[in-house]
Amino acid sequence: PGWTDNINGPTGLLIGAGKGVIRTMYCDNN
């Protein structure tokens, strides 16, 4: 479970946000 070999998609977003380096995104939140 959870295994991946890359940080594409939502995994990259979660890592970037979790490290505190992503603080804004331009998108429709709904």
PDB file of all heavy atoms in Angstrom:
ATOM      1  N   PRO A   1       0.808  -1.223   0.000  1.00  0.00           N
ATOM      2  CA  PRO A   1       0.000   0.000   0.000  1.00  0.00           C
ATOM      3  C   PRO A   1       0.843   1.277   0.000  1.00  0.00           C
ATOM      4  O   PRO A   1       1.807   1.394   0.749  1.00  0.00           O
ATOM      5  CB  PRO A   1      -0.814  -0.116   1.293  1.00  0.00           C
ATOM      6  CG  PRO A   1      -0.911  -1.585   1.533  1.00  0.00           C
ATOM      7  CD  PRO A   1       0.408  -2.150   1.073  1.00  0.00           C
ATOM      8  N   GLY A   2       0.455   2.203  -0.861  1.00  0.00           N
ATOM      9  CA  GLY A   2       1.105   3.511  -0.919  1.00  0.00           C
ATOM     10  C   GLY A   2       2.372   3.560  -1.741  1.00  0.00           C
ATOM     11  O   GLY A   2       2.908   4.647  -1.973  1.00  0.00           O
ATOM     12  N   TRP A   3       2.867   2.398  -2.219  1.00  0.00           N
ATOM     13  CA  TRP A   3       4.164   2.386  -2.914  1.00  0.00           C
ATOM     14  C   TRP A   3       4.098   3.129  -4.241  1.00  0.00           C
ATOM     15  O   TRP A   3       3.149   3.029  -5.003  1.00  0.00           O
ATOM     16  CB  TRP A   3       4.620   0.950  -3.182  1.00  0.00           C
ATOM     17  CG  TRP A   3       5.970   0.888  -3.853  1.00  0.00           C
ATOM     18  CD1 TRP A   3       7.189   0.907  -3.248  1.00  0.00           C
ATOM     19  CD2 TRP A   3       6.220   0.843  -5.267  1.00  0.00           C
ATOM     20  NE1 TRP A   3       8.197   0.868  -4.196  1.00  0.00           N
ATOM     21  CE2 TRP A   3       7.628   0.823  -5.441  1.00  0.00           C
ATOM     22  CE3 TRP A   3       5.397   0.818  -6.396  1.00  0.00           C
ATOM     23  CZ2 TRP A   3       8.221   0.777  -6.700  1.00  0.00           C
ATOM     24  CZ3 TRP A   3       5.982   0.764  -7.651  1.00  0.00           C
ATOM     25  CH2 TRP A   3       7.384   0.745  -7.796  1.00  0.00           C
ATOM     26  N   THR A   4       5.157   3.884  -4.503  1.00  0.00           N
ATOM     27  CA  THR A   4       5.357   4.533  -5.789  1.00  0.00           C
ATOM     28  C   THR A   4       6.851   4.751  -5.963  1.00  0.00           C
ATOM     29  O   THR A   4       7.614   4.682  -4.992  1.00  0.00           O
ATOM     30  CB  THR A   4       4.618   5.881  -5.875  1.00  0.00           C
ATOM     31  OG1 THR A   4       4.814   6.457  -7.177  1.00  0.00           O
ATOM     32  CG2 THR A   4       5.124   6.866  -4.839  1.00  0.00           C
ATOM     33  N   ASP A   5       7.268   4.988  -7.188  1.00  0.00           N
ATOM     34  CA  ASP A   5       8.687   5.281  -7.423  1.00  0.00           C
ATOM     35  C   ASP A   5       8.881   6.685  -7.966  1.00  0.00           C
ATOM     36  O   ASP A   5       9.928   7.017  -8.500  1.00  0.00           O
ATOM     37  CB  ASP A   5       9.306   4.254  -8.381  1.00  0.00           C
ATOM     38  CG  ASP A   5       8.678   4.291  -9.767  1.00  0.00           C
ATOM     39  OD1 ASP A   5       7.702   5.053  -9.973  1.00  0.00           O
ATOM     40  OD2 ASP A   5       9.154   3.564 -10.661  1.00  0.00           O
ATOM     41  N   ASN A   6       7.829   7.535  -7.841  1.00  0.00           N
ATOM     42  CA  ASN A   6       7.934   8.908  -8.326  1.00  0.00           C
ATOM     43  C   ASN A   6       7.043   9.807  -7.486  1.00  0.00           C
ATOM     44  O   ASN A   6       6.292   9.329  -6.635  1.00  0.00           O
ATOM     45  CB  ASN A   6       7.534   8.993  -9.807  1.00  0.00           C
ATOM     46  CG  ASN A   6       6.089   8.578 -10.034  1.00  0.00           C
ATOM     47  OD1 ASN A   6       5.165   9.307  -9.695  1.00  0.00           O
ATOM     48  ND2 ASN A   6       5.885   7.382 -10.594  1.00  0.00           N
ATOM     49  N   ILE A   7       7.137  11.106  -7.709  1.00  0.00           N
ATOM     50  CA  ILE A   7       6.324  12.066  -6.949  1.00  0.00           C
ATOM     51  C   ILE A   7       5.394  12.829  -7.876  1.00  0.00           C
ATOM     52  O   ILE A   7       5.084  14.003  -7.665  1.00  0.00           O
ATOM     53  CB  ILE A   7       7.203  13.041  -6.135  1.00  0.00           C
ATOM     54  CG1 ILE A   7       8.195  13.780  -7.040  1.00  0.00           C
ATOM     55  CG2 ILE A   7       7.929  12.309  -5.032  1.00  0.00           C
ATOM     56  CD1 ILE A   7       8.936  14.895  -6.333  1.00  0.00           C
ATOM     57  N   ASN A   8       4.911  12.161  -8.925  1.00  0.00           N
ATOM     58  CA  ASN A   8       3.947  12.787  -9.820  1.00  0.00           C
ATOM     59  C   ASN A   8       2.568  12.796  -9.169  1.00  0.00           C
ATOM     60  O   ASN A   8       2.287  12.044  -8.244  1.00  0.00           O
ATOM     61  CB  ASN A   8       3.889  12.032 -11.150  1.00  0.00           C
ATOM     62  CG  ASN A   8       5.209  12.067 -11.891  1.00  0.00           C
ATOM     63  OD1 ASN A   8       5.949  13.044 -11.801  1.00  0.00           O
ATOM     64  ND2 ASN A   8       5.523  10.997 -12.599  1.00  0.00           N
ATOM     65  N   GLY A   9       1.677  13.639  -9.689  1.00  0.00           N
ATOM     66  CA  GLY A   9       0.304  13.659  -9.218  1.00  0.00           C
ATOM     67  C   GLY A   9       0.154  14.192  -7.804  1.00  0.00           C
ATOM     68  O   GLY A   9       0.962  14.982  -7.313  1.00  0.00           O
ATOM     69  N   PRO A  10      -0.880  13.723  -7.096  1.00  0.00           N
ATOM     70  CA  PRO A  10      -1.168  14.267  -5.764  1.00  0.00           C
ATOM     71  C   PRO A  10      -0.075  13.972  -4.740  1.00  0.00           C
ATOM     72  O   PRO A  10       0.066  14.698  -3.768  1.00  0.00           O
ATOM     73  CB  PRO A  10      -2.485  13.581  -5.376  1.00  0.00           C
ATOM     74  CG  PRO A  10      -2.540  12.354  -6.215  1.00  0.00           C
ATOM     75  CD  PRO A  10      -1.865  12.707  -7.500  1.00  0.00           C
ATOM     76  N   THR A  11       0.714  12.893  -4.961  1.00  0.00           N
ATOM     77  CA  THR A  11       1.794  12.596  -4.021  1.00  0.00           C
ATOM     78  C   THR A  11       2.782  13.757  -3.954  1.00  0.00           C
ATOM     79  O   THR A  11       3.221  14.164  -2.874  1.00  0.00           O
ATOM     80  CB  THR A  11       2.532  11.306  -4.430  1.00  0.00           C
ATOM     81  OG1 THR A  11       1.595  10.228  -4.487  1.00  0.00           O
ATOM     82  CG2 THR A  11       3.630  10.970  -3.424  1.00  0.00           C
ATOM     83  N   GLY A  12       3.139  14.300  -5.120  1.00  0.00           N
ATOM     84  CA  GLY A  12       4.053  15.439  -5.155  1.00  0.00           C
ATOM     85  C   GLY A  12       3.469  16.658  -4.474  1.00  0.00           C
ATOM     86  O   GLY A  12       4.180  17.386  -3.762  1.00  0.00           O
ATOM     87  N   LEU A  13       2.163  16.880  -4.678  1.00  0.00           N
ATOM     88  CA  LEU A  13       1.504  18.012  -4.019  1.00  0.00           C
ATOM     89  C   LEU A  13       1.535  17.847  -2.505  1.00  0.00           C
ATOM     90  O   LEU A  13       1.807  18.795  -1.763  1.00  0.00           O
ATOM     91  CB  LEU A  13       0.054  18.135  -4.500  1.00  0.00           C
ATOM     92  CG  LEU A  13      -0.165  18.551  -5.954  1.00  0.00           C
ATOM     93  CD1 LEU A  13      -1.652  18.554  -6.264  1.00  0.00           C
ATOM     94  CD2 LEU A  13       0.436  19.926  -6.216  1.00  0.00           C
ATOM     95  N   LEU A  14       1.241  16.630  -2.037  1.00  0.00           N
ATOM     96  CA  LEU A  14       1.224  16.382  -0.601  1.00  0.00           C
ATOM     97  C   LEU A  14       2.615  16.530   0.008  1.00  0.00           C
ATOM     98  O   LEU A  14       2.770  17.067   1.113  1.00  0.00           O
ATOM     99  CB  LEU A  14       0.673  14.983  -0.315  1.00  0.00           C
ATOM    100  CG  LEU A  14      -0.809  14.767  -0.658  1.00  0.00           C
ATOM    101  CD1 LEU A  14      -1.201  13.313  -0.465  1.00  0.00           C
ATOM    102  CD2 LEU A  14      -1.698  15.674   0.169  1.00  0.00           C
ATOM    103  N   ILE A  15       3.641  16.066  -0.706  1.00  0.00           N
ATOM    104  CA  ILE A  15       5.003  16.211  -0.190  1.00  0.00           C
ATOM    105  C   ILE A  15       5.409  17.684  -0.161  1.00  0.00           C
ATOM    106  O   ILE A  15       5.956  18.176   0.831  1.00  0.00           O
ATOM    107  CB  ILE A  15       5.999  15.394  -1.045  1.00  0.00           C
ATOM    108  CG1 ILE A  15       5.776  13.898  -0.819  1.00  0.00           C
ATOM    109  CG2 ILE A  15       7.443  15.769  -0.712  1.00  0.00           C
ATOM    110  CD1 ILE A  15       6.640  13.007  -1.684  1.00  0.00           C
ATOM    111  N   GLY A  16       5.126  18.402  -1.255  1.00  0.00           N
ATOM    112  CA  GLY A  16       5.466  19.820  -1.307  1.00  0.00           C
ATOM    113  C   GLY A  16       4.761  20.617  -0.235  1.00  0.00           C
ATOM    114  O   GLY A  16       5.363  21.464   0.432  1.00  0.00           O
ATOM    115  N   ALA A  17       3.463  20.323  -0.031  1.00  0.00           N
ATOM    116  CA  ALA A  17       2.712  21.022   1.015  1.00  0.00           C
ATOM    117  C   ALA A  17       3.198  20.592   2.394  1.00  0.00           C
ATOM    118  O   ALA A  17       3.311  21.408   3.316  1.00  0.00           O
ATOM    119  CB  ALA A  17       1.223  20.738   0.863  1.00  0.00           C
ATOM    120  N   GLY A  18       3.509  19.288   2.542  1.00  0.00           N
ATOM    121  CA  GLY A  18       3.967  18.777   3.832  1.00  0.00           C
ATOM    122  C   GLY A  18       5.309  19.339   4.244  1.00  0.00           C
ATOM    123  O   GLY A  18       5.587  19.477   5.436  1.00  0.00           O
ATOM    124  N   LYS A  19       6.147  19.668   3.261  1.00  0.00           N
ATOM    125  CA  LYS A  19       7.445  20.286   3.557  1.00  0.00           C
ATOM    126  C   LYS A  19       7.318  21.793   3.764  1.00  0.00           C
ATOM    127  O   LYS A  19       8.280  22.459   4.144  1.00  0.00           O
ATOM    128  CB  LYS A  19       8.422  20.022   2.409  1.00  0.00           C
ATOM    129  CG  LYS A  19       8.853  18.575   2.253  1.00  0.00           C
ATOM    130  CD  LYS A  19       9.880  18.172   3.295  1.00  0.00           C
ATOM    131  CE  LYS A  19      10.463  16.804   3.007  1.00  0.00           C
ATOM    132  NZ  LYS A  19      11.481  16.391   3.999  1.00  0.00           N
ATOM    133  N   GLY A  20       6.119  22.341   3.482  1.00  0.00           N
ATOM    134  CA  GLY A  20       5.890  23.769   3.685  1.00  0.00           C
ATOM    135  C   GLY A  20       6.350  24.644   2.540  1.00  0.00           C
ATOM    136  O   GLY A  20       6.417  25.872   2.701  1.00  0.00           O
ATOM    137  N   VAL A  21       6.668  24.045   1.363  1.00  0.00           N
ATOM    138  CA  VAL A  21       7.177  24.847   0.251  1.00  0.00           C
ATOM    139  C   VAL A  21       6.094  25.171  -0.772  1.00  0.00           C
ATOM    140  O   VAL A  21       6.289  26.027  -1.635  1.00  0.00           O
ATOM    141  CB  VAL A  21       8.368  24.147  -0.448  1.00  0.00           C
ATOM    142  CG1 VAL A  21       9.539  24.031   0.499  1.00  0.00           C
ATOM    143  CG2 VAL A  21       7.969  22.784  -0.995  1.00  0.00           C
ATOM    144  N   ILE A  22       4.944  24.503  -0.715  1.00  0.00           N
ATOM    145  CA  ILE A  22       3.808  24.849  -1.568  1.00  0.00           C
ATOM    146  C   ILE A  22       2.735  25.471  -0.682  1.00  0.00           C
ATOM    147  O   ILE A  22       2.197  24.814   0.207  1.00  0.00           O
ATOM    148  CB  ILE A  22       3.248  23.612  -2.302  1.00  0.00           C
ATOM    149  CG1 ILE A  22       4.283  23.038  -3.275  1.00  0.00           C
ATOM    150  CG2 ILE A  22       1.966  23.976  -3.053  1.00  0.00           C
ATOM    151  CD1 ILE A  22       3.799  21.811  -4.024  1.00  0.00           C
ATOM    152  N   ARG A  23       2.414  26.735  -0.952  1.00  0.00           N
ATOM    153  CA  ARG A  23       1.471  27.451  -0.097  1.00  0.00           C
ATOM    154  C   ARG A  23       0.355  28.112  -0.896  1.00  0.00           C
ATOM    155  O   ARG A  23      -0.496  28.790  -0.320  1.00  0.00           O
ATOM    156  CB  ARG A  23       2.212  28.500   0.746  1.00  0.00           C
ATOM    157  CG  ARG A  23       3.445  27.943   1.460  1.00  0.00           C
ATOM    158  CD  ARG A  23       3.936  28.860   2.542  1.00  0.00           C
ATOM    159  NE  ARG A  23       3.005  28.948   3.658  1.00  0.00           N
ATOM    160  CZ  ARG A  23       2.896  28.031   4.613  1.00  0.00           C
ATOM    161  NH1 ARG A  23       3.647  26.948   4.589  1.00  0.00           N
ATOM    162  NH2 ARG A  23       2.032  28.190   5.598  1.00  0.00           N
ATOM    163  N   THR A  24       0.380  27.957  -2.188  1.00  0.00           N
ATOM    164  CA  THR A  24      -0.697  28.507  -3.008  1.00  0.00           C
ATOM    165  C   THR A  24      -0.820  27.695  -4.283  1.00  0.00           C
ATOM    166  O   THR A  24       0.178  27.206  -4.814  1.00  0.00           O
ATOM    167  CB  THR A  24      -0.442  29.988  -3.357  1.00  0.00           C
ATOM    168  OG1 THR A  24      -1.506  30.465  -4.211  1.00  0.00           O
ATOM    169  CG2 THR A  24       0.877  30.164  -4.088  1.00  0.00           C
ATOM    170  N   MET A  25      -2.047  27.508  -4.753  1.00  0.00           N
ATOM    171  CA  MET A  25      -2.304  26.828  -6.024  1.00  0.00           C
ATOM    172  C   MET A  25      -3.444  27.544  -6.730  1.00  0.00           C
ATOM    173  O   MET A  25      -4.393  27.999  -6.088  1.00  0.00           O
ATOM    174  CB  MET A  25      -2.674  25.357  -5.804  1.00  0.00           C
ATOM    175  CG  MET A  25      -1.548  24.490  -5.277  1.00  0.00           C
ATOM    176  SD  MET A  25      -1.934  22.722  -5.387  1.00  0.00           S
ATOM    177  CE  MET A  25      -3.410  22.634  -4.378  1.00  0.00           C
ATOM    178  N   TYR A  26      -3.313  27.629  -8.048  1.00  0.00           N
ATOM    179  CA  TYR A  26      -4.365  28.260  -8.842  1.00  0.00           C
ATOM    180  C   TYR A  26      -5.270  27.175  -9.399  1.00  0.00           C
ATOM    181  O   TYR A  26      -4.900  26.458 -10.331  1.00  0.00           O
ATOM    182  CB  TYR A  26      -3.753  29.080  -9.974  1.00  0.00           C
ATOM    183  CG  TYR A  26      -4.760  29.567 -11.000  1.00  0.00           C
ATOM    184  CD1 TYR A  26      -5.868  30.307 -10.609  1.00  0.00           C
ATOM    185  CD2 TYR A  26      -4.594  29.273 -12.347  1.00  0.00           C
ATOM    186  CE1 TYR A  26      -6.788  30.753 -11.534  1.00  0.00           C
ATOM    187  CE2 TYR A  26      -5.500  29.718 -13.283  1.00  0.00           C
ATOM    188  CZ  TYR A  26      -6.610  30.453 -12.883  1.00  0.00           C
ATOM    189  OH  TYR A  26      -7.523  30.876 -13.800  1.00  0.00           O
ATOM    190  N   CYS A  27      -6.425  26.997  -8.781  1.00  0.00           N
ATOM    191  CA  CYS A  27      -7.376  26.011  -9.291  1.00  0.00           C
ATOM    192  C   CYS A  27      -8.730  26.205  -8.616  1.00  0.00           C
ATOM    193  O   CYS A  27      -8.847  26.897  -7.598  1.00  0.00           O
ATOM    194  CB  CYS A  27      -6.880  24.587  -9.056  1.00  0.00           C
ATOM    195  SG  CYS A  27      -6.834  24.080  -7.334  1.00  0.00           S
ATOM    196  N   ASP A  28      -9.730  25.576  -9.205  1.00  0.00           N
ATOM    197  CA  ASP A  28     -11.071  25.582  -8.640  1.00  0.00           C
ATOM    198  C   ASP A  28     -11.108  24.570  -7.509  1.00  0.00           C
ATOM    199  O   ASP A  28     -10.970  23.369  -7.739  1.00  0.00           O
ATOM    200  CB  ASP A  28     -12.076  25.209  -9.738  1.00  0.00           C
ATOM    201  CG  ASP A  28     -13.499  25.093  -9.212  1.00  0.00           C
ATOM    202  OD1 ASP A  28     -13.745  25.474  -8.050  1.00  0.00           O
ATOM    203  OD2 ASP A  28     -14.366  24.593  -9.966  1.00  0.00           O
ATOM    204  N   ASN A  29     -11.281  25.051  -6.281  1.00  0.00           N
ATOM    205  CA  ASN A  29     -11.199  24.123  -5.149  1.00  0.00           C
ATOM    206  C   ASN A  29     -12.321  23.092  -5.138  1.00  0.00           C
ATOM    207  O   ASN A  29     -12.219  22.065  -4.479  1.00  0.00           O
ATOM    208  CB  ASN A  29     -11.173  24.891  -3.815  1.00  0.00           C
ATOM    209  CG  ASN A  29     -12.424  25.719  -3.603  1.00  0.00           C
ATOM    210  OD1 ASN A  29     -13.216  25.932  -4.509  1.00  0.00           O
ATOM    211  ND2 ASN A  29     -12.596  26.204  -2.392  1.00  0.00           N
ATOM    212  N   ASN A  30     -13.402  23.339  -5.882  1.00  0.00           N
ATOM    213  CA  ASN A  30     -14.485  22.353  -5.981  1.00  0.00           C
ATOM    214  C   ASN A  30     -14.322  21.433  -7.185  1.00  0.00           C
ATOM    215  O   ASN A  30     -15.113  20.514  -7.393  1.00  0.00           O
ATOM    216  CB  ASN A  30     -15.842  23.060  -6.067  1.00  0.00           C
ATOM    217  CG  ASN A  30     -16.194  23.759  -4.762  1.00  0.00           C
ATOM    218  OD1 ASN A  30     -16.012  23.190  -3.684  1.00  0.00           O
ATOM    219  ND2 ASN A  30     -16.686  24.985  -4.839  1.00  0.00           N
TER     220      ASN A  30
END
